[in-house]
Amino acid sequence: MNWLRKLFTSEKVLPPIDLGQLRVDLHSHLIPGIDDGAKTMDDSLEMIRGFKALGYQKVITTPHVMSDFYRNSPEIIIAGKKEVKKALAAENIEMEFEAAAEYYLDESYTAKIEKGELLTFGDNYVLFELPYLAEPPNLATAIFEMQTNGYKPILAHPERYGFWYNNFDNYQEMVDKGVYLQLNMLSLIGHYSPIAQKIAERLIDENMISFLGSDCHNSSHLDLIDVARTRPYLHQLIESGKLLNNTL
C-alpha cells in the first residue's frame, strides 16, 4: 500500500489505526449485480476478505434502493444476502454478514415508511441518503414519519451534500431532530472532494458523528481505506468513544 500513501504525502500521517475496534461496517454495496457495487460473487468475496483483513468481524451491507434506478425490494436484497452467506460458508470465510439498504429519499420513500417495509439493522436503524443537488422538500416529513413509525434514521455521508456547505447549522439541525450522522471513511482523504473532507473534519471536531462507514463499492475502496487508517482525523474519531458501530 506504500504507493497509495505517497499520493497523500502532503498531509500528516500516523501509524495505521486498528479498524477492528469498530467491529462492524454498516455501509457497503456487496451483494452482486443489484446496484453499482459488486458485479460478481467473486467481487463480493474479495471485498469481504478485505474487510476481514482490516479487522472487521461483521458487515451490514446496504444496497441502493431508488424508485427510478435501483428498484431493489426487501425480497431481492434478502435473497442476495442468502447467496452471499452461502458462498462465504463454501469458502470458509468467517464473517458475520447481514443486509439492510441505503434508501434514497425520493417521492416514494414515505410510502415505504408507512407500509413498514424498510429493512433495518441494530436497534431498528434505517440508513437513508439525500440527492446531491438540493435538499429534498420532504426531508422533515420523512424524518418525522420514520421516527413516529419506530425507525431510527441514520443519514448517510452528510459531508457530501454540497447544498449544506454554506450553512453548517443544517447539520446541527439534523442531530437536534434525532438523526444519526454516518461519515464515509474515504471523505477523510479527500476522495470525494477537498471541501467534503473539510466538512467531515469539522463534523468530527463538533462530535456530531455517530457511525463510521466504508461505503465500499469495489476493492480499490478497500485500498484507499488502508490509506485513511493513517489520517489523524480517523484516529480522533475512533478514539473519541462516540461511535456506535460496535453496538450493531
C-alpha atoms as a PDB file:
ATOM      1  CA  MET A   1       0.000   0.000   0.000  1.00  0.00           C
ATOM      2  CA  ASN A   2       3.034   2.337   0.147  1.00  0.00           C
ATOM      3  CA  TRP A   3       2.440   3.665  -3.367  1.00  0.00           C
ATOM      4  CA  LEU A   4      -1.042   4.791  -2.318  1.00  0.00           C
ATOM      5  CA  ARG A   5       0.234   6.585   0.749  1.00  0.00           C
ATOM      6  CA  LYS A   6       2.688   8.512  -1.424  1.00  0.00           C
ATOM      7  CA  LEU A   7      -0.275  10.070  -3.211  1.00  0.00           C
ATOM      8  CA  PHE A   8      -1.221  11.835   0.008  1.00  0.00           C
ATOM      9  CA  THR A   9       2.166  12.859   1.427  1.00  0.00           C
ATOM     10  CA  SER A  10       1.122  16.488   1.855  1.00  0.00           C
ATOM     11  CA  GLU A  11      -0.905  15.515   4.902  1.00  0.00           C
ATOM     12  CA  LYS A  12       0.302  14.310   8.267  1.00  0.00           C
ATOM     13  CA  VAL A  13       0.162  10.553   8.666  1.00  0.00           C
ATOM     14  CA  LEU A  14       0.079   8.330  11.737  1.00  0.00           C
ATOM     15  CA  PRO A  15       0.594   4.595  12.174  1.00  0.00           C
ATOM     16  CA  PRO A  16      -2.459   2.783  10.747  1.00  0.00           C
ATOM     17  CA  ILE A  17      -5.256   2.555  13.302  1.00  0.00           C
ATOM     18  CA  ASP A  18      -6.833  -0.826  14.043  1.00  0.00           C
ATOM     19  CA  LEU A  19     -10.308  -0.855  12.462  1.00  0.00           C
ATOM     20  CA  GLY A  20     -11.124  -3.954  14.493  1.00  0.00           C
ATOM     21  CA  GLN A  21     -12.116  -1.501  17.222  1.00  0.00           C
ATOM     22  CA  LEU A  22     -15.198  -0.686  15.152  1.00  0.00           C
ATOM     23  CA  ARG A  23     -16.124  -4.369  14.835  1.00  0.00           C
ATOM     24  CA  VAL A  24     -18.918  -3.586  12.324  1.00  0.00           C
ATOM     25  CA  ASP A  25     -19.164  -1.807   8.986  1.00  0.00           C
ATOM     26  CA  LEU A  26     -22.714  -0.640   8.254  1.00  0.00           C
ATOM     27  CA  HIS A  27     -22.485   0.871   4.769  1.00  0.00           C
ATOM     28  CA  SER A  28     -21.335  -1.070   1.715  1.00  0.00           C
ATOM     29  CA  HIS A  29     -22.511  -2.482  -1.589  1.00  0.00           C
ATOM     30  CA  LEU A  30     -21.514  -6.147  -1.589  1.00  0.00           C
ATOM     31  CA  ILE A  31     -24.468  -8.106  -2.995  1.00  0.00           C
ATOM     32  CA  PRO A  32     -23.514  -8.856  -6.597  1.00  0.00           C
ATOM     33  CA  GLY A  33     -25.391  -7.462  -9.544  1.00  0.00           C
ATOM     34  CA  ILE A  34     -28.116  -5.414  -7.870  1.00  0.00           C
ATOM     35  CA  ASP A  35     -26.597  -1.909  -7.709  1.00  0.00           C
ATOM     36  CA  ASP A  36     -23.349  -0.097  -8.534  1.00  0.00           C
ATOM     37  CA  GLY A  37     -21.271  -2.193  -6.148  1.00  0.00           C
ATOM     38  CA  ALA A  38     -20.074  -5.775  -6.541  1.00  0.00           C
ATOM     39  CA  LYS A  39     -20.668  -7.136 -10.030  1.00  0.00           C
ATOM     40  CA  THR A  40     -19.958 -10.812  -9.348  1.00  0.00           C
ATOM     41  CA  MET A  41     -19.845 -13.139  -6.358  1.00  0.00           C
ATOM     42  CA  ASP A  42     -16.057 -13.217  -6.724  1.00  0.00           C
ATOM     43  CA  ASP A  43     -16.086  -9.427  -6.274  1.00  0.00           C
ATOM     44  CA  SER A  44     -18.186  -9.813  -3.131  1.00  0.00           C
ATOM     45  CA  LEU A  45     -15.920 -12.443  -1.621  1.00  0.00           C
ATOM     46  CA  GLU A  46     -12.778 -10.470  -2.439  1.00  0.00           C
ATOM     47  CA  MET A  47     -14.154  -7.403  -0.664  1.00  0.00           C
ATOM     48  CA  ILE A  48     -15.355  -9.368   2.340  1.00  0.00           C
ATOM     49  CA  ARG A  49     -11.906 -10.920   2.658  1.00  0.00           C
ATOM     50  CA  GLY A  50     -10.605  -7.345   2.605  1.00  0.00           C
ATOM     51  CA  PHE A  51     -12.897  -6.357   5.461  1.00  0.00           C
ATOM     52  CA  LYS A  52     -11.713  -9.351   7.441  1.00  0.00           C
ATOM     53  CA  ALA A  53      -8.077  -8.408   6.844  1.00  0.00           C
ATOM     54  CA  LEU A  54      -8.833  -4.908   8.159  1.00  0.00           C
ATOM     55  CA  GLY A  55     -10.141  -6.402  11.408  1.00  0.00           C
ATOM     56  CA  TYR A  56     -13.897  -6.235  10.906  1.00  0.00           C
ATOM     57  CA  GLN A  57     -15.988  -9.026  12.391  1.00  0.00           C
ATOM     58  CA  LYS A  58     -19.342  -8.105  10.852  1.00  0.00           C
ATOM     59  CA  VAL A  59     -20.527  -6.422   7.683  1.00  0.00           C
ATOM     60  CA  ILE A  60     -24.017  -4.981   7.219  1.00  0.00           C
ATOM     61  CA  THR A  61     -24.254  -4.384   3.502  1.00  0.00           C
ATOM     62  CA  THR A  62     -26.675  -1.744   2.226  1.00  0.00           C
ATOM     63  CA  PRO A  63     -27.675  -1.931  -1.453  1.00  0.00           C
ATOM     64  CA  HIS A  64     -29.159   1.174  -3.019  1.00  0.00           C
ATOM     65  CA  VAL A  65     -32.943   1.463  -3.163  1.00  0.00           C
ATOM     66  CA  MET A  66     -34.097   4.106  -5.663  1.00  0.00           C
ATOM     67  CA  SER A  67     -37.536   4.084  -7.247  1.00  0.00           C
ATOM     68  CA  ASP A  68     -36.292   5.216 -10.669  1.00  0.00           C
ATOM     69  CA  PHE A  69     -32.972   3.365 -10.869  1.00  0.00           C
ATOM     70  CA  TYR A  70     -32.220   0.598  -8.355  1.00  0.00           C
ATOM     71  CA  ARG A  71     -35.630  -0.900  -7.689  1.00  0.00           C
ATOM     72  CA  ASN A  72     -34.462  -3.311  -5.032  1.00  0.00           C
ATOM     73  CA  SER A  73     -37.165  -4.800  -2.842  1.00  0.00           C
ATOM     74  CA  PRO A  74     -36.634  -6.437   0.558  1.00  0.00           C
ATOM     75  CA  GLU A  75     -37.123  -9.793  -1.179  1.00  0.00           C
ATOM     76  CA  ILE A  76     -34.342  -9.101  -3.705  1.00  0.00           C
ATOM     77  CA  ILE A  77     -31.934  -7.944  -1.021  1.00  0.00           C
ATOM     78  CA  ILE A  78     -32.666 -10.815   1.371  1.00  0.00           C
ATOM     79  CA  ALA A  79     -32.274 -13.366  -1.425  1.00  0.00           C
ATOM     80  CA  GLY A  80     -28.941 -11.792  -2.371  1.00  0.00           C
ATOM     81  CA  LYS A  81     -27.793 -11.855   1.234  1.00  0.00           C
ATOM     82  CA  LYS A  82     -28.552 -15.580   1.462  1.00  0.00           C
ATOM     83  CA  GLU A  83     -26.497 -16.271  -1.660  1.00  0.00           C
ATOM     84  CA  VAL A  84     -23.514 -14.349  -0.278  1.00  0.00           C
ATOM     85  CA  LYS A  85     -23.758 -16.161   3.062  1.00  0.00           C
ATOM     86  CA  LYS A  86     -23.841 -19.486   1.210  1.00  0.00           C
ATOM     87  CA  ALA A  87     -20.711 -18.506  -0.743  1.00  0.00           C
ATOM     88  CA  LEU A  88     -18.947 -17.403   2.443  1.00  0.00           C
ATOM     89  CA  ALA A  89     -19.649 -20.765   4.033  1.00  0.00           C
ATOM     90  CA  ALA A  90     -18.423 -22.613   0.932  1.00  0.00           C
ATOM     91  CA  GLU A  91     -15.167 -20.643   1.010  1.00  0.00           C
ATOM     92  CA  ASN A  92     -14.771 -20.972   4.806  1.00  0.00           C
ATOM     93  CA  ILE A  93     -14.682 -17.201   5.249  1.00  0.00           C
ATOM     94  CA  GLU A  94     -15.644 -16.351   8.803  1.00  0.00           C
ATOM     95  CA  MET A  95     -17.583 -13.091   8.712  1.00  0.00           C
ATOM     96  CA  GLU A  96     -20.986 -12.147  10.079  1.00  0.00           C
ATOM     97  CA  PHE A  97     -22.902 -10.915   7.064  1.00  0.00           C
ATOM     98  CA  GLU A  98     -26.214  -9.071   7.212  1.00  0.00           C
ATOM     99  CA  ALA A  99     -28.083  -6.803   4.832  1.00  0.00           C
ATOM    100  CA  ALA A 100     -30.321  -3.749   5.048  1.00  0.00           C
ATOM    101  CA  ALA A 101     -30.461  -0.938   2.460  1.00  0.00           C
ATOM    102  CA  GLU A 102     -29.384   2.594   1.641  1.00  0.00           C
ATOM    103  CA  TYR A 103     -32.698   4.291   0.879  1.00  0.00           C
ATOM    104  CA  TYR A 104     -32.772   7.264  -1.449  1.00  0.00           C
ATOM    105  CA  LEU A 105     -35.126   9.936  -0.193  1.00  0.00           C
ATOM    106  CA  ASP A 106     -37.330  10.263  -3.269  1.00  0.00           C
ATOM    107  CA  GLU A 107     -41.056  10.691  -3.766  1.00  0.00           C
ATOM    108  CA  SER A 108     -41.794   7.029  -2.967  1.00  0.00           C
ATOM    109  CA  TYR A 109     -39.896   6.892   0.305  1.00  0.00           C
ATOM    110  CA  THR A 110     -42.726   7.994   2.609  1.00  0.00           C
ATOM    111  CA  ALA A 111     -44.946   5.239   1.201  1.00  0.00           C
ATOM    112  CA  LYS A 112     -42.274   2.658   2.065  1.00  0.00           C
ATOM    113  CA  ILE A 113     -42.174   4.004   5.624  1.00  0.00           C
ATOM    114  CA  GLU A 114     -45.947   3.851   6.016  1.00  0.00           C
ATOM    115  CA  LYS A 115     -46.044   0.281   4.712  1.00  0.00           C
ATOM    116  CA  GLY A 116     -43.422  -0.723   7.288  1.00  0.00           C
ATOM    117  CA  GLU A 117     -41.281  -2.341   4.610  1.00  0.00           C
ATOM    118  CA  LEU A 118     -37.930  -0.722   5.396  1.00  0.00           C
ATOM    119  CA  LEU A 119     -35.025  -3.047   6.058  1.00  0.00           C
ATOM    120  CA  THR A 120     -33.414  -2.201   9.394  1.00  0.00           C
ATOM    121  CA  PHE A 121     -30.350  -3.198  11.398  1.00  0.00           C
ATOM    122  CA  GLY A 122     -29.258  -2.925  15.020  1.00  0.00           C
ATOM    123  CA  ASP A 123     -31.779  -1.061  17.164  1.00  0.00           C
ATOM    124  CA  ASN A 124     -34.235  -0.500  14.278  1.00  0.00           C
ATOM    125  CA  TYR A 125     -31.845   1.821  12.440  1.00  0.00           C
ATOM    126  CA  VAL A 126     -32.543   2.822   8.835  1.00  0.00           C
ATOM    127  CA  LEU A 127     -29.832   4.202   6.536  1.00  0.00           C
ATOM    128  CA  PHE A 128     -31.001   6.847   4.074  1.00  0.00           C
ATOM    129  CA  GLU A 129     -29.364   9.264   1.678  1.00  0.00           C
ATOM    130  CA  LEU A 130     -30.305  12.544   0.023  1.00  0.00           C
ATOM    131  CA  PRO A 131     -29.998  13.835  -3.546  1.00  0.00           C
ATOM    132  CA  TYR A 132     -26.743  15.698  -4.136  1.00  0.00           C
ATOM    133  CA  LEU A 133     -28.161  18.737  -5.931  1.00  0.00           C
ATOM    134  CA  ALA A 134     -30.632  20.160  -3.403  1.00  0.00           C
ATOM    135  CA  GLU A 135     -32.254  19.408  -0.076  1.00  0.00           C
ATOM    136  CA  PRO A 136     -35.448  17.459  -0.817  1.00  0.00           C
ATOM    137  CA  PRO A 137     -38.647  19.284   0.203  1.00  0.00           C
ATOM    138  CA  ASN A 138     -39.918  16.205   2.042  1.00  0.00           C
ATOM    139  CA  LEU A 139     -36.867  15.789   4.284  1.00  0.00           C
ATOM    140  CA  ALA A 140     -38.508  16.990   7.516  1.00  0.00           C
ATOM    141  CA  THR A 141     -41.641  14.963   6.797  1.00  0.00           C
ATOM    142  CA  ALA A 142     -39.654  11.817   6.088  1.00  0.00           C
ATOM    143  CA  ILE A 143     -37.678  12.156   9.329  1.00  0.00           C
ATOM    144  CA  PHE A 144     -40.895  12.645  11.284  1.00  0.00           C
ATOM    145  CA  GLU A 145     -42.545   9.658   9.590  1.00  0.00           C
ATOM    146  CA  MET A 146     -39.556   7.415  10.254  1.00  0.00           C
ATOM    147  CA  GLN A 147     -39.457   8.314  13.909  1.00  0.00           C
ATOM    148  CA  THR A 148     -43.214   8.073  14.507  1.00  0.00           C
ATOM    149  CA  ASN A 149     -43.146   4.623  12.898  1.00  0.00           C
ATOM    150  CA  GLY A 150     -40.438   3.445  15.267  1.00  0.00           C
ATOM    151  CA  TYR A 151     -37.444   3.757  12.967  1.00  0.00           C
ATOM    152  CA  LYS A 152     -34.164   5.403  13.947  1.00  0.00           C
ATOM    153  CA  PRO A 153     -32.844   7.348  10.933  1.00  0.00           C
ATOM    154  CA  ILE A 154     -29.158   7.395  10.032  1.00  0.00           C
ATOM    155  CA  LEU A 155     -28.185   9.941   7.380  1.00  0.00           C
ATOM    156  CA  ALA A 156     -25.521   8.536   5.070  1.00  0.00           C
ATOM    157  CA  HIS A 157     -22.432  10.633   4.287  1.00  0.00           C
ATOM    158  CA  PRO A 158     -23.776  14.111   5.257  1.00  0.00           C
ATOM    159  CA  GLU A 159     -20.369  15.583   4.394  1.00  0.00           C
ATOM    160  CA  ARG A 160     -21.130  15.022   0.702  1.00  0.00           C
ATOM    161  CA  TYR A 161     -24.225  17.241   0.455  1.00  0.00           C
ATOM    162  CA  GLY A 162     -22.952  20.478  -1.039  1.00  0.00           C
ATOM    163  CA  PHE A 163     -26.211  22.364  -0.517  1.00  0.00           C
ATOM    164  CA  TRP A 164     -25.412  22.486   3.208  1.00  0.00           C
ATOM    165  CA  TYR A 165     -21.809  23.636   2.939  1.00  0.00           C
ATOM    166  CA  ASN A 166     -22.600  27.317   3.439  1.00  0.00           C
ATOM    167  CA  ASN A 167     -24.782  26.739   6.489  1.00  0.00           C
ATOM    168  CA  PHE A 168     -23.282  24.319   8.977  1.00  0.00           C
ATOM    169  CA  ASP A 169     -26.337  24.781  11.213  1.00  0.00           C
ATOM    170  CA  ASN A 170     -28.166  22.338   8.947  1.00  0.00           C
ATOM    171  CA  TYR A 171     -26.024  19.515  10.305  1.00  0.00           C
ATOM    172  CA  GLN A 172     -26.805  20.547  13.865  1.00  0.00           C
ATOM    173  CA  GLU A 173     -30.492  20.653  12.972  1.00  0.00           C
ATOM    174  CA  MET A 174     -30.315  17.029  11.866  1.00  0.00           C
ATOM    175  CA  VAL A 175     -28.661  15.994  15.131  1.00  0.00           C
ATOM    176  CA  ASP A 176     -31.174  18.033  17.145  1.00  0.00           C
ATOM    177  CA  LYS A 177     -34.002  16.172  15.375  1.00  0.00           C
ATOM    178  CA  GLY A 178     -32.550  12.867  16.489  1.00  0.00           C
ATOM    179  CA  VAL A 179     -30.977  11.898  13.164  1.00  0.00           C
ATOM    180  CA  TYR A 180     -27.713   9.985  13.478  1.00  0.00           C
ATOM    181  CA  LEU A 181     -24.916  11.010  11.114  1.00  0.00           C
ATOM    182  CA  GLN A 182     -22.771   8.412   9.306  1.00  0.00           C
ATOM    183  CA  LEU A 183     -19.431   9.566   7.935  1.00  0.00           C
ATOM    184  CA  ASN A 184     -17.694   7.938   4.971  1.00  0.00           C
ATOM    185  CA  MET A 185     -14.148   6.975   5.857  1.00  0.00           C
ATOM    186  CA  LEU A 186     -12.803   7.978   2.437  1.00  0.00           C
ATOM    187  CA  SER A 187     -14.001  11.549   2.955  1.00  0.00           C
ATOM    188  CA  LEU A 188     -11.020  11.923   5.281  1.00  0.00           C
ATOM    189  CA  ILE A 189      -8.538  11.535   2.409  1.00  0.00           C
ATOM    190  CA  GLY A 190     -10.380  13.901   0.064  1.00  0.00           C
ATOM    191  CA  HIS A 191     -11.734  11.069  -2.085  1.00  0.00           C
ATOM    192  CA  TYR A 192     -14.983  12.917  -2.847  1.00  0.00           C
ATOM    193  CA  SER A 193     -13.659  16.494  -2.775  1.00  0.00           C
ATOM    194  CA  PRO A 194     -11.435  18.736  -0.640  1.00  0.00           C
ATOM    195  CA  ILE A 195     -14.461  20.562   0.766  1.00  0.00           C
ATOM    196  CA  ALA A 196     -16.188  17.288   1.672  1.00  0.00           C
ATOM    197  CA  GLN A 197     -13.032  16.449   3.609  1.00  0.00           C
ATOM    198  CA  LYS A 198     -13.118  19.774   5.457  1.00  0.00           C
ATOM    199  CA  ILE A 199     -16.793  19.321   6.348  1.00  0.00           C
ATOM    200  CA  ALA A 200     -16.048  15.781   7.547  1.00  0.00           C
ATOM    201  CA  GLU A 201     -13.266  17.057   9.771  1.00  0.00           C
ATOM    202  CA  ARG A 202     -15.480  19.753  11.248  1.00  0.00           C
ATOM    203  CA  LEU A 203     -18.232  17.233  11.947  1.00  0.00           C
ATOM    204  CA  ILE A 204     -15.666  15.180  13.858  1.00  0.00           C
ATOM    205  CA  ASP A 205     -14.423  18.244  15.747  1.00  0.00           C
ATOM    206  CA  GLU A 206     -18.014  19.050  16.722  1.00  0.00           C
ATOM    207  CA  ASN A 207     -18.621  15.462  17.948  1.00  0.00           C
ATOM    208  CA  MET A 208     -21.568  15.033  15.584  1.00  0.00           C
ATOM    209  CA  ILE A 209     -20.698  11.669  14.032  1.00  0.00           C
ATOM    210  CA  SER A 210     -22.297   8.508  15.459  1.00  0.00           C
ATOM    211  CA  PHE A 211     -21.391   5.944  12.801  1.00  0.00           C
ATOM    212  CA  LEU A 212     -18.424   5.413  10.501  1.00  0.00           C
ATOM    213  CA  GLY A 213     -18.910   3.572   7.213  1.00  0.00           C
ATOM    214  CA  SER A 214     -16.788   2.369   4.340  1.00  0.00           C
ATOM    215  CA  ASP A 215     -19.354   2.923   1.538  1.00  0.00           C
ATOM    216  CA  CYS A 216     -17.306   0.232  -0.172  1.00  0.00           C
ATOM    217  CA  HIS A 217     -18.261  -0.443  -3.797  1.00  0.00           C
ATOM    218  CA  ASN A 218     -15.108  -2.194  -5.046  1.00  0.00           C
ATOM    219  CA  SER A 219     -11.721  -3.468  -3.940  1.00  0.00           C
ATOM    220  CA  SER A 220      -9.978  -0.186  -4.741  1.00  0.00           C
ATOM    221  CA  HIS A 221     -12.048   1.434  -1.992  1.00  0.00           C
ATOM    222  CA  LEU A 222     -10.519  -1.020   0.471  1.00  0.00           C
ATOM    223  CA  ASP A 223      -7.039   0.020  -0.669  1.00  0.00           C
ATOM    224  CA  LEU A 224      -7.986   3.649  -0.010  1.00  0.00           C
ATOM    225  CA  ILE A 225      -9.387   2.730   3.410  1.00  0.00           C
ATOM    226  CA  ASP A 226      -5.916   1.417   4.215  1.00  0.00           C
ATOM    227  CA  VAL A 227      -4.627   4.926   3.434  1.00  0.00           C
ATOM    228  CA  ALA A 228      -7.380   6.519   5.551  1.00  0.00           C
ATOM    229  CA  ARG A 229      -6.220   4.446   8.529  1.00  0.00           C
ATOM    230  CA  THR A 230      -3.204   6.770   8.800  1.00  0.00           C
ATOM    231  CA  ARG A 231      -5.219  10.008   8.966  1.00  0.00           C
ATOM    232  CA  PRO A 232      -5.245  11.937  12.250  1.00  0.00           C
ATOM    233  CA  TYR A 233      -8.976  12.667  11.986  1.00  0.00           C
ATOM    234  CA  LEU A 234      -9.805   8.986  11.646  1.00  0.00           C
ATOM    235  CA  HIS A 235      -7.734   8.320  14.760  1.00  0.00           C
ATOM    236  CA  GLN A 236      -9.517  11.179  16.528  1.00  0.00           C
ATOM    237  CA  LEU A 237     -12.960   9.852  15.624  1.00  0.00           C
ATOM    238  CA  ILE A 238     -12.324   6.227  16.531  1.00  0.00           C
ATOM    239  CA  GLU A 239     -10.554   7.149  19.763  1.00  0.00           C
ATOM    240  CA  SER A 240     -13.332   9.582  20.782  1.00  0.00           C
ATOM    241  CA  GLY A 241     -15.560   6.825  22.085  1.00  0.00           C
ATOM    242  CA  LYS A 242     -18.529   8.452  20.298  1.00  0.00           C
ATOM    243  CA  LEU A 243     -19.025   5.848  17.578  1.00  0.00           C
ATOM    244  CA  LEU A 244     -21.803   3.276  17.849  1.00  0.00           C
ATOM    245  CA  ASN A 245     -20.592   0.773  15.234  1.00  0.00           C
ATOM    246  CA  ASN A 246     -19.697  -1.848  17.788  1.00  0.00           C
ATOM    247  CA  THR A 247     -23.232  -1.827  19.222  1.00  0.00           C
ATOM    248  CA  LEU A 248     -24.704  -3.229  16.000  1.00  0.00           C
END
